[in-house]
Amino acid sequence: MDEPDWRSLLPRVEEIFFTSSAIQKFTDEARRERFKVRWLGRYLEHYLESFFVARNTGDAVVGYLAGCLEDPARNPLFADLGYYQAFGPLCASYPAHLHINVAADIRNLGVGAALIAAFAAQVSQRRLPGLHLVTNEGARNIRFYERNGFRLLATTRWNDAPVVFMGRELAVA
């Protein structure tokens, strides 16, 4: 996100975030805000250099990728994500990680793949060996990630649900 007025994009990014989320209803505004900070806010606050937006031909934001080049298993900012206790050893080979969301009416048009390609290029430039993501087991997005070079490497339970670690190796020259 290298735009000087990037904050003006946040309402649309947040709209895509919430409409793409598995959780659609919150008991109060405070819980909604905590959810946003956990899955989106920490990236905007600490890792803006790895935050990518996709725009349509009319210049409207249609998707985003929130990434981080640091190993989350060794980063205190991600200590609240208990699944890294199980997935931590894999993070040495796949330290960079991402969250991605694309507007529903734009999916299957290559936007998500382009966002992943841009982030993978950044990860490669930093000479990191790979990137990963964590998602719910059985989620509709697993096939999308597989088509974009990710492999399912491990499964664990977190918050009473099975989650999977998917990694993508990158060539390090």
N, C-alpha and C. Protein backbone atom coordinates (compact mmCIF):
# COMPACT_ATOMS: atom_id res chain seq x y z
N MET A 1 0.86 -1.16 0.00
CA MET A 1 0.00 0.00 0.00
C MET A 1 0.91 1.22 0.00
N ASP A 2 1.20 1.72 -1.15
CA ASP A 2 2.11 2.86 -1.25
C ASP A 2 1.40 4.14 -1.68
N GLU A 3 0.11 4.20 -1.47
CA GLU A 3 -0.66 5.38 -1.85
C GLU A 3 -0.69 6.36 -0.68
N PRO A 4 -0.47 7.65 -0.95
CA PRO A 4 -0.48 8.62 0.14
C PRO A 4 -1.83 8.72 0.85
N ASP A 5 -2.92 8.51 0.14
CA ASP A 5 -4.25 8.60 0.75
C ASP A 5 -4.86 7.22 0.99
N TRP A 6 -4.03 6.26 1.38
CA TRP A 6 -4.50 4.89 1.55
C TRP A 6 -5.64 4.77 2.55
N ARG A 7 -5.71 5.65 3.51
CA ARG A 7 -6.80 5.59 4.49
C ARG A 7 -8.17 5.78 3.83
N SER A 8 -8.21 6.47 2.70
CA SER A 8 -9.48 6.67 2.00
C SER A 8 -10.00 5.35 1.41
N LEU A 9 -9.14 4.36 1.28
CA LEU A 9 -9.54 3.05 0.75
C LEU A 9 -10.13 2.14 1.82
N LEU A 10 -9.91 2.48 3.08
CA LEU A 10 -10.30 1.58 4.18
C LEU A 10 -11.79 1.26 4.25
N PRO A 11 -12.70 2.19 4.01
CA PRO A 11 -14.12 1.79 4.08
C PRO A 11 -14.45 0.63 3.13
N ARG A 12 -13.94 0.67 1.91
CA ARG A 12 -14.21 -0.42 0.97
C ARG A 12 -13.47 -1.69 1.36
N VAL A 13 -12.24 -1.57 1.84
CA VAL A 13 -11.50 -2.74 2.33
C VAL A 13 -12.27 -3.39 3.47
N GLU A 14 -12.75 -2.59 4.40
CA GLU A 14 -13.51 -3.12 5.54
C GLU A 14 -14.82 -3.75 5.08
N GLU A 15 -15.47 -3.16 4.11
CA GLU A 15 -16.71 -3.74 3.58
C GLU A 15 -16.43 -5.13 3.00
N ILE A 16 -15.38 -5.26 2.20
CA ILE A 16 -15.02 -6.56 1.63
C ILE A 16 -14.64 -7.52 2.75
N PHE A 17 -13.90 -7.04 3.73
CA PHE A 17 -13.50 -7.87 4.87
C PHE A 17 -14.72 -8.48 5.56
N PHE A 18 -15.68 -7.65 5.92
CA PHE A 18 -16.83 -8.15 6.67
C PHE A 18 -17.78 -8.98 5.81
N THR A 19 -17.97 -8.65 4.56
CA THR A 19 -18.87 -9.45 3.73
C THR A 19 -18.26 -10.79 3.36
N SER A 20 -16.92 -10.90 3.42
CA SER A 20 -16.24 -12.16 3.11
C SER A 20 -16.02 -13.02 4.34
N SER A 21 -16.25 -12.48 5.50
CA SER A 21 -15.95 -13.16 6.75
C SER A 21 -16.91 -14.32 7.02
N ALA A 22 -16.37 -15.33 7.68
CA ALA A 22 -17.20 -16.46 8.11
C ALA A 22 -18.18 -16.02 9.20
N ILE A 23 -17.82 -15.00 9.95
CA ILE A 23 -18.70 -14.46 10.99
C ILE A 23 -19.38 -13.22 10.42
N GLN A 24 -20.67 -13.26 10.39
CA GLN A 24 -21.44 -12.15 9.81
C GLN A 24 -22.17 -11.33 10.87
N LYS A 25 -22.44 -11.91 12.03
CA LYS A 25 -23.19 -11.21 13.06
C LYS A 25 -22.37 -11.16 14.34
N PHE A 26 -22.40 -10.00 14.98
CA PHE A 26 -21.67 -9.78 16.22
C PHE A 26 -22.65 -9.32 17.28
N THR A 27 -22.41 -9.72 18.51
CA THR A 27 -23.34 -9.37 19.58
C THR A 27 -23.31 -7.88 19.92
N ASP A 28 -22.16 -7.23 19.64
CA ASP A 28 -22.06 -5.79 19.88
C ASP A 28 -20.93 -5.22 19.04
N GLU A 29 -20.86 -3.91 19.00
CA GLU A 29 -19.86 -3.22 18.18
C GLU A 29 -18.44 -3.48 18.67
N ALA A 30 -18.26 -3.64 19.98
CA ALA A 30 -16.92 -3.90 20.52
C ALA A 30 -16.37 -5.23 20.01
N ARG A 31 -17.20 -6.27 19.97
CA ARG A 31 -16.75 -7.57 19.43
C ARG A 31 -16.43 -7.46 17.94
N ARG A 32 -17.23 -6.73 17.24
CA ARG A 32 -16.99 -6.53 15.79
C ARG A 32 -15.64 -5.84 15.58
N GLU A 33 -15.36 -4.83 16.38
CA GLU A 33 -14.10 -4.09 16.27
C GLU A 33 -12.90 -4.98 16.63
N ARG A 34 -13.02 -5.79 17.67
CA ARG A 34 -11.93 -6.71 18.04
C ARG A 34 -11.65 -7.71 16.93
N PHE A 35 -12.70 -8.20 16.30
CA PHE A 35 -12.56 -9.12 15.19
C PHE A 35 -11.81 -8.45 14.03
N LYS A 36 -12.17 -7.23 13.73
CA LYS A 36 -11.51 -6.49 12.65
C LYS A 36 -10.03 -6.25 12.97
N VAL A 37 -9.74 -5.86 14.19
CA VAL A 37 -8.35 -5.61 14.58
C VAL A 37 -7.53 -6.89 14.47
N ARG A 38 -8.10 -8.01 14.91
CA ARG A 38 -7.36 -9.28 14.91
C ARG A 38 -7.00 -9.72 13.50
N TRP A 39 -7.94 -9.67 12.57
CA TRP A 39 -7.74 -10.25 11.25
C TRP A 39 -7.38 -9.25 10.16
N LEU A 40 -7.49 -7.96 10.45
CA LEU A 40 -7.18 -6.94 9.44
C LEU A 40 -6.33 -5.81 10.03
N GLY A 41 -6.72 -5.31 11.16
CA GLY A 41 -6.08 -4.13 11.74
C GLY A 41 -4.61 -4.26 12.03
N ARG A 42 -4.18 -5.39 12.55
CA ARG A 42 -2.75 -5.51 12.89
C ARG A 42 -1.88 -5.42 11.64
N TYR A 43 -2.41 -5.88 10.50
CA TYR A 43 -1.65 -5.78 9.25
C TYR A 43 -1.56 -4.34 8.78
N LEU A 44 -2.65 -3.61 8.89
CA LEU A 44 -2.64 -2.20 8.49
C LEU A 44 -1.77 -1.36 9.41
N GLU A 45 -1.74 -1.71 10.68
CA GLU A 45 -0.97 -0.93 11.64
C GLU A 45 0.52 -1.25 11.59
N HIS A 46 0.87 -2.52 11.39
CA HIS A 46 2.28 -2.93 11.51
C HIS A 46 2.94 -3.38 10.21
N TYR A 47 2.16 -3.75 9.20
CA TYR A 47 2.75 -4.36 8.00
C TYR A 47 2.17 -3.75 6.72
N LEU A 48 2.04 -2.46 6.70
CA LEU A 48 1.44 -1.78 5.56
C LEU A 48 2.22 -2.02 4.27
N GLU A 49 3.54 -2.25 4.38
CA GLU A 49 4.35 -2.49 3.19
C GLU A 49 3.99 -3.80 2.49
N SER A 50 3.27 -4.67 3.17
CA SER A 50 2.84 -5.95 2.59
C SER A 50 1.33 -6.03 2.47
N PHE A 51 0.69 -4.89 2.34
CA PHE A 51 -0.75 -4.82 2.15
C PHE A 51 -1.02 -4.39 0.71
N PHE A 52 -1.70 -5.23 -0.04
CA PHE A 52 -1.95 -5.00 -1.45
C PHE A 52 -3.45 -4.83 -1.69
N VAL A 53 -3.81 -3.91 -2.57
CA VAL A 53 -5.21 -3.76 -2.97
C VAL A 53 -5.32 -3.98 -4.48
N ALA A 54 -6.45 -4.53 -4.88
CA ALA A 54 -6.77 -4.69 -6.30
C ALA A 54 -7.92 -3.74 -6.61
N ARG A 55 -7.84 -3.13 -7.78
CA ARG A 55 -8.88 -2.20 -8.21
C ARG A 55 -9.42 -2.63 -9.57
N ASN A 56 -10.66 -2.30 -9.81
CA ASN A 56 -11.24 -2.57 -11.13
C ASN A 56 -10.91 -1.42 -12.08
N THR A 57 -11.41 -1.49 -13.29
CA THR A 57 -11.10 -0.46 -14.28
C THR A 57 -11.67 0.90 -13.89
N GLY A 58 -12.66 0.92 -13.02
CA GLY A 58 -13.22 2.18 -12.52
C GLY A 58 -12.49 2.69 -11.30
N ASP A 59 -11.38 2.05 -10.93
CA ASP A 59 -10.52 2.42 -9.81
C ASP A 59 -11.10 2.09 -8.44
N ALA A 60 -12.18 1.32 -8.39
CA ALA A 60 -12.75 0.92 -7.10
C ALA A 60 -12.01 -0.30 -6.56
N VAL A 61 -11.82 -0.35 -5.26
CA VAL A 61 -11.17 -1.50 -4.61
C VAL A 61 -12.10 -2.70 -4.73
N VAL A 62 -11.55 -3.82 -5.22
CA VAL A 62 -12.34 -5.05 -5.38
C VAL A 62 -11.75 -6.21 -4.58
N GLY A 63 -10.60 -5.99 -3.97
CA GLY A 63 -9.99 -7.04 -3.17
C GLY A 63 -8.74 -6.53 -2.50
N TYR A 64 -8.23 -7.32 -1.55
CA TYR A 64 -7.00 -6.95 -0.86
C TYR A 64 -6.29 -8.20 -0.37
N LEU A 65 -5.01 -8.06 -0.11
CA LEU A 65 -4.20 -9.09 0.52
C LEU A 65 -3.47 -8.42 1.66
N ALA A 66 -3.66 -8.94 2.87
CA ALA A 66 -2.93 -8.47 4.04
C ALA A 66 -1.84 -9.48 4.32
N GLY A 67 -0.60 -9.06 4.16
CA GLY A 67 0.52 -9.98 4.33
C GLY A 67 1.47 -9.52 5.41
N CYS A 68 2.34 -10.44 5.79
CA CYS A 68 3.39 -10.17 6.77
C CYS A 68 4.59 -11.04 6.39
N LEU A 69 5.77 -10.45 6.39
CA LEU A 69 6.98 -11.18 6.02
C LEU A 69 7.64 -11.86 7.21
N GLU A 70 7.12 -11.65 8.40
CA GLU A 70 7.73 -12.21 9.62
C GLU A 70 7.05 -13.51 10.03
N ASP A 71 7.81 -14.39 10.60
CA ASP A 71 7.32 -15.67 11.12
C ASP A 71 6.37 -15.41 12.29
N PRO A 72 5.09 -15.70 12.15
CA PRO A 72 4.13 -15.39 13.22
C PRO A 72 4.31 -16.26 14.47
N ALA A 73 4.94 -17.41 14.34
CA ALA A 73 5.15 -18.27 15.50
C ALA A 73 6.18 -17.68 16.46
N ARG A 74 6.98 -16.76 15.96
CA ARG A 74 8.01 -16.14 16.77
C ARG A 74 7.75 -14.64 16.98
N ASN A 75 6.58 -14.19 16.61
CA ASN A 75 6.25 -12.77 16.69
C ASN A 75 5.15 -12.57 17.73
N PRO A 76 5.42 -11.81 18.79
CA PRO A 76 4.41 -11.62 19.85
C PRO A 76 3.11 -10.99 19.37
N LEU A 77 3.12 -10.29 18.24
CA LEU A 77 1.89 -9.70 17.72
C LEU A 77 0.87 -10.75 17.30
N PHE A 78 1.32 -11.99 17.12
CA PHE A 78 0.42 -13.06 16.69
C PHE A 78 0.24 -14.12 17.78
N ALA A 79 0.62 -13.81 19.00
CA ALA A 79 0.52 -14.77 20.11
C ALA A 79 -0.91 -15.19 20.40
N ASP A 80 -1.89 -14.39 19.99
CA ASP A 80 -3.29 -14.72 20.24
C ASP A 80 -3.82 -15.81 19.32
N LEU A 81 -3.05 -16.18 18.31
CA LEU A 81 -3.47 -17.21 17.36
C LEU A 81 -2.89 -18.55 17.81
N GLY A 82 -3.65 -19.24 18.64
CA GLY A 82 -3.17 -20.47 19.27
C GLY A 82 -2.76 -21.58 18.33
N TYR A 83 -3.23 -21.57 17.10
CA TYR A 83 -2.86 -22.64 16.19
C TYR A 83 -1.38 -22.62 15.84
N TYR A 84 -0.68 -21.52 16.11
CA TYR A 84 0.75 -21.51 15.81
C TYR A 84 1.55 -22.35 16.79
N GLN A 85 0.95 -22.77 17.88
CA GLN A 85 1.63 -23.75 18.74
C GLN A 85 1.85 -25.05 17.97
N ALA A 86 0.86 -25.46 17.21
CA ALA A 86 0.98 -26.68 16.40
C ALA A 86 1.73 -26.42 15.10
N PHE A 87 1.49 -25.28 14.48
CA PHE A 87 2.06 -25.01 13.16
C PHE A 87 3.42 -24.32 13.22
N GLY A 88 3.86 -23.93 14.40
CA GLY A 88 5.11 -23.18 14.54
C GLY A 88 6.31 -23.78 13.83
N PRO A 89 6.56 -25.09 13.94
CA PRO A 89 7.72 -25.66 13.25
C PRO A 89 7.68 -25.49 11.73
N LEU A 90 6.50 -25.47 11.15
CA LEU A 90 6.38 -25.29 9.70
C LEU A 90 6.71 -23.86 9.27
N CYS A 91 6.55 -22.92 10.18
CA CYS A 91 6.76 -21.52 9.83
C CYS A 91 8.21 -21.20 9.47
N ALA A 92 9.16 -22.00 9.91
CA ALA A 92 10.56 -21.75 9.54
C ALA A 92 10.74 -21.87 8.03
N SER A 93 10.04 -22.80 7.41
CA SER A 93 10.13 -22.98 5.95
C SER A 93 9.14 -22.10 5.20
N TYR A 94 8.11 -21.63 5.88
CA TYR A 94 7.06 -20.81 5.26
C TYR A 94 6.76 -19.61 6.16
N PRO A 95 7.73 -18.71 6.36
CA PRO A 95 7.54 -17.65 7.36
C PRO A 95 6.55 -16.56 6.99
N ALA A 96 6.48 -16.17 5.74
CA ALA A 96 5.55 -15.11 5.34
C ALA A 96 4.13 -15.67 5.34
N HIS A 97 3.17 -14.84 5.69
CA HIS A 97 1.78 -15.32 5.71
C HIS A 97 0.83 -14.24 5.22
N LEU A 98 -0.38 -14.68 4.89
CA LEU A 98 -1.32 -13.77 4.27
C LEU A 98 -2.76 -14.08 4.63
N HIS A 99 -3.58 -13.05 4.47
CA HIS A 99 -5.04 -13.15 4.48
C HIS A 99 -5.49 -12.42 3.22
N ILE A 100 -6.45 -12.98 2.53
CA ILE A 100 -6.89 -12.39 1.27
C ILE A 100 -8.41 -12.43 1.19
N ASN A 101 -8.99 -11.38 0.67
CA ASN A 101 -10.43 -11.33 0.42
C ASN A 101 -10.68 -10.56 -0.87
N VAL A 102 -11.61 -11.09 -1.65
CA VAL A 102 -12.01 -10.47 -2.91
C VAL A 102 -13.53 -10.34 -2.90
N ALA A 103 -14.03 -9.23 -3.41
CA ALA A 103 -15.47 -9.02 -3.48
C ALA A 103 -16.13 -10.19 -4.20
N ALA A 104 -17.26 -10.63 -3.69
CA ALA A 104 -17.93 -11.84 -4.21
C ALA A 104 -18.21 -11.75 -5.71
N ASP A 105 -18.59 -10.60 -6.20
CA ASP A 105 -18.94 -10.49 -7.62
C ASP A 105 -17.72 -10.44 -8.54
N ILE A 106 -16.52 -10.44 -7.97
CA ILE A 106 -15.28 -10.38 -8.75
C ILE A 106 -14.50 -11.69 -8.66
N ARG A 107 -14.92 -12.59 -7.80
CA ARG A 107 -14.19 -13.86 -7.65
C ARG A 107 -14.19 -14.64 -8.96
N ASN A 108 -13.16 -15.47 -9.11
CA ASN A 108 -12.97 -16.33 -10.28
C ASN A 108 -12.61 -15.54 -11.53
N LEU A 109 -12.10 -14.33 -11.37
CA LEU A 109 -11.67 -13.53 -12.51
C LEU A 109 -10.16 -13.27 -12.49
N GLY A 110 -9.44 -13.91 -11.57
CA GLY A 110 -7.99 -13.77 -11.50
C GLY A 110 -7.47 -12.72 -10.55
N VAL A 111 -8.36 -12.01 -9.86
CA VAL A 111 -7.93 -10.97 -8.94
C VAL A 111 -7.15 -11.55 -7.77
N GLY A 112 -7.68 -12.59 -7.16
CA GLY A 112 -6.99 -13.22 -6.03
C GLY A 112 -5.63 -13.78 -6.43
N ALA A 113 -5.57 -14.41 -7.58
CA ALA A 113 -4.30 -14.96 -8.06
C ALA A 113 -3.28 -13.84 -8.28
N ALA A 114 -3.74 -12.70 -8.81
CA ALA A 114 -2.83 -11.57 -9.03
C ALA A 114 -2.32 -11.00 -7.70
N LEU A 115 -3.18 -10.92 -6.70
CA LEU A 115 -2.75 -10.45 -5.39
C LEU A 115 -1.71 -11.40 -4.79
N ILE A 116 -1.95 -12.70 -4.88
CA ILE A 116 -0.98 -13.67 -4.36
C ILE A 116 0.34 -13.57 -5.12
N ALA A 117 0.28 -13.40 -6.43
CA ALA A 117 1.51 -13.27 -7.22
C ALA A 117 2.31 -12.04 -6.79
N ALA A 118 1.64 -10.94 -6.53
CA ALA A 118 2.34 -9.73 -6.09
C ALA A 118 3.01 -9.95 -4.74
N PHE A 119 2.30 -10.58 -3.81
CA PHE A 119 2.88 -10.85 -2.49
C PHE A 119 4.02 -11.86 -2.61
N ALA A 120 3.85 -12.91 -3.39
CA ALA A 120 4.90 -13.91 -3.57
C ALA A 120 6.16 -13.26 -4.13
N ALA A 121 6.00 -12.30 -5.04
CA ALA A 121 7.16 -11.60 -5.59
C ALA A 121 7.88 -10.82 -4.49
N GLN A 122 7.13 -10.18 -3.61
CA GLN A 122 7.74 -9.45 -2.50
C GLN A 122 8.47 -10.42 -1.56
N VAL A 123 7.84 -11.55 -1.27
CA VAL A 123 8.46 -12.55 -0.40
C VAL A 123 9.75 -13.06 -1.04
N SER A 124 9.73 -13.32 -2.34
CA SER A 124 10.92 -13.79 -3.06
C SER A 124 12.03 -12.74 -3.03
N GLN A 125 11.67 -11.48 -3.21
CA GLN A 125 12.67 -10.41 -3.17
C GLN A 125 13.37 -10.35 -1.83
N ARG A 126 12.67 -10.72 -0.79
CA ARG A 126 13.27 -10.74 0.56
C ARG A 126 14.02 -12.05 0.82
N ARG A 127 14.03 -12.92 -0.18
CA ARG A 127 14.75 -14.19 -0.12
C ARG A 127 14.23 -15.12 0.98
N LEU A 128 12.93 -15.08 1.20
CA LEU A 128 12.30 -15.98 2.16
C LEU A 128 11.92 -17.26 1.43
N PRO A 129 11.99 -18.41 2.11
CA PRO A 129 11.77 -19.69 1.42
C PRO A 129 10.32 -20.02 1.07
N GLY A 130 9.36 -19.35 1.70
CA GLY A 130 7.97 -19.69 1.40
C GLY A 130 6.98 -18.83 2.15
N LEU A 131 5.71 -19.06 1.80
CA LEU A 131 4.64 -18.34 2.46
C LEU A 131 3.54 -19.32 2.84
N HIS A 132 2.70 -18.90 3.75
CA HIS A 132 1.63 -19.80 4.22
C HIS A 132 0.37 -19.02 4.54
N LEU A 133 -0.66 -19.80 4.78
CA LEU A 133 -1.92 -19.27 5.28
C LEU A 133 -2.56 -20.36 6.12
N VAL A 134 -3.48 -19.95 6.95
CA VAL A 134 -4.26 -20.87 7.77
C VAL A 134 -5.72 -20.61 7.45
N THR A 135 -6.47 -21.68 7.22
CA THR A 135 -7.88 -21.54 6.90
C THR A 135 -8.64 -22.71 7.51
N ASN A 136 -9.94 -22.63 7.50
CA ASN A 136 -10.76 -23.71 8.04
C ASN A 136 -10.69 -24.93 7.13
N GLU A 137 -10.62 -26.09 7.75
CA GLU A 137 -10.63 -27.33 6.97
C GLU A 137 -11.99 -27.43 6.26
N GLY A 138 -11.95 -27.78 5.01
CA GLY A 138 -13.18 -27.91 4.24
C GLY A 138 -13.71 -26.60 3.68
N ALA A 139 -12.98 -25.51 3.88
CA ALA A 139 -13.44 -24.21 3.37
C ALA A 139 -13.40 -24.20 1.84
N ARG A 140 -14.28 -23.39 1.25
CA ARG A 140 -14.36 -23.30 -0.21
C ARG A 140 -13.08 -22.76 -0.83
N ASN A 141 -12.28 -22.05 -0.04
CA ASN A 141 -11.09 -21.42 -0.60
C ASN A 141 -9.88 -22.36 -0.74
N ILE A 142 -9.94 -23.55 -0.20
CA ILE A 142 -8.79 -24.46 -0.26
C ILE A 142 -8.43 -24.78 -1.71
N ARG A 143 -9.39 -25.04 -2.54
CA ARG A 143 -9.09 -25.34 -3.95
C ARG A 143 -8.46 -24.13 -4.64
N PHE A 144 -8.91 -22.94 -4.32
CA PHE A 144 -8.31 -21.72 -4.86
C PHE A 144 -6.83 -21.66 -4.49
N TYR A 145 -6.52 -21.90 -3.23
CA TYR A 145 -5.12 -21.85 -2.79
C TYR A 145 -4.29 -22.94 -3.47
N GLU A 146 -4.86 -24.12 -3.61
CA GLU A 146 -4.14 -25.19 -4.30
C GLU A 146 -3.82 -24.79 -5.75
N ARG A 147 -4.76 -24.15 -6.41
CA ARG A 147 -4.51 -23.68 -7.79
C ARG A 147 -3.42 -22.61 -7.84
N ASN A 148 -3.16 -21.99 -6.70
CA ASN A 148 -2.14 -20.94 -6.63
C ASN A 148 -0.86 -21.42 -5.96
N GLY A 149 -0.64 -22.73 -6.00
CA GLY A 149 0.64 -23.29 -5.57
C GLY A 149 0.78 -23.69 -4.12
N PHE A 150 -0.28 -23.58 -3.34
CA PHE A 150 -0.21 -23.97 -1.92
C PHE A 150 -0.53 -25.45 -1.77
N ARG A 151 0.13 -26.06 -0.78
CA ARG A 151 -0.15 -27.46 -0.44
C ARG A 151 -0.62 -27.52 1.00
N LEU A 152 -1.55 -28.41 1.26
CA LEU A 152 -2.01 -28.63 2.63
C LEU A 152 -0.92 -29.41 3.35
N LEU A 153 -0.38 -28.84 4.44
CA LEU A 153 0.76 -29.44 5.13
C LEU A 153 0.44 -29.95 6.53
N ALA A 154 -0.59 -29.42 7.17
CA ALA A 154 -0.90 -29.86 8.53
C ALA A 154 -2.31 -29.42 8.90
N THR A 155 -2.87 -30.12 9.87
CA THR A 155 -4.20 -29.81 10.40
C THR A 155 -4.12 -29.83 11.93
N THR A 156 -4.86 -28.94 12.57
CA THR A 156 -5.00 -28.96 14.02
C THR A 156 -6.38 -28.44 14.37
N ARG A 157 -6.71 -28.45 15.64
CA ARG A 157 -7.98 -27.89 16.09
C ARG A 157 -7.70 -26.58 16.80
N TRP A 158 -8.55 -25.61 16.51
CA TRP A 158 -8.45 -24.30 17.17
C TRP A 158 -9.86 -23.77 17.32
N ASN A 159 -10.20 -23.33 18.52
CA ASN A 159 -11.56 -22.85 18.81
C ASN A 159 -12.61 -23.90 18.41
N ASP A 160 -12.32 -25.14 18.73
CA ASP A 160 -13.24 -26.27 18.48
C ASP A 160 -13.53 -26.52 17.01
N ALA A 161 -12.64 -26.10 16.14
CA ALA A 161 -12.83 -26.35 14.71
C ALA A 161 -11.49 -26.77 14.09
N PRO A 162 -11.53 -27.64 13.08
CA PRO A 162 -10.29 -28.01 12.42
C PRO A 162 -9.82 -26.90 11.48
N VAL A 163 -8.53 -26.57 11.59
CA VAL A 163 -7.92 -25.58 10.70
C VAL A 163 -6.71 -26.22 10.03
N VAL A 164 -6.38 -25.73 8.85
CA VAL A 164 -5.27 -26.29 8.08
C VAL A 164 -4.22 -25.23 7.81
N PHE A 165 -2.99 -25.70 7.73
CA PHE A 165 -1.83 -24.89 7.36
C PHE A 165 -1.49 -25.24 5.93
N MET A 166 -1.51 -24.25 5.06
CA MET A 166 -1.16 -24.46 3.65
C MET A 166 0.09 -23.65 3.34
N GLY A 167 1.07 -24.28 2.71
CA GLY A 167 2.32 -23.60 2.41
C GLY A 167 2.64 -23.63 0.93
N ARG A 168 3.39 -22.64 0.52
CA ARG A 168 3.88 -22.55 -0.86
C ARG A 168 5.37 -22.24 -0.81
N GLU A 169 6.16 -23.15 -1.37
CA GLU A 169 7.60 -22.94 -1.43
C GLU A 169 7.91 -21.92 -2.53
N LEU A 170 8.97 -21.16 -2.28
CA LEU A 170 9.45 -20.21 -3.28
C LEU A 170 10.91 -20.49 -3.56
N ALA A 171 11.30 -20.32 -4.80
CA ALA A 171 12.70 -20.51 -5.17
C ALA A 171 13.52 -19.37 -4.60
N VAL A 172 14.55 -19.71 -3.85
CA VAL A 172 15.45 -18.71 -3.28
C VAL A 172 16.76 -18.82 -4.05
N ALA A 173 17.09 -17.76 -4.76
CA ALA A 173 18.30 -17.77 -5.59
C ALA A 173 19.53 -17.49 -4.77
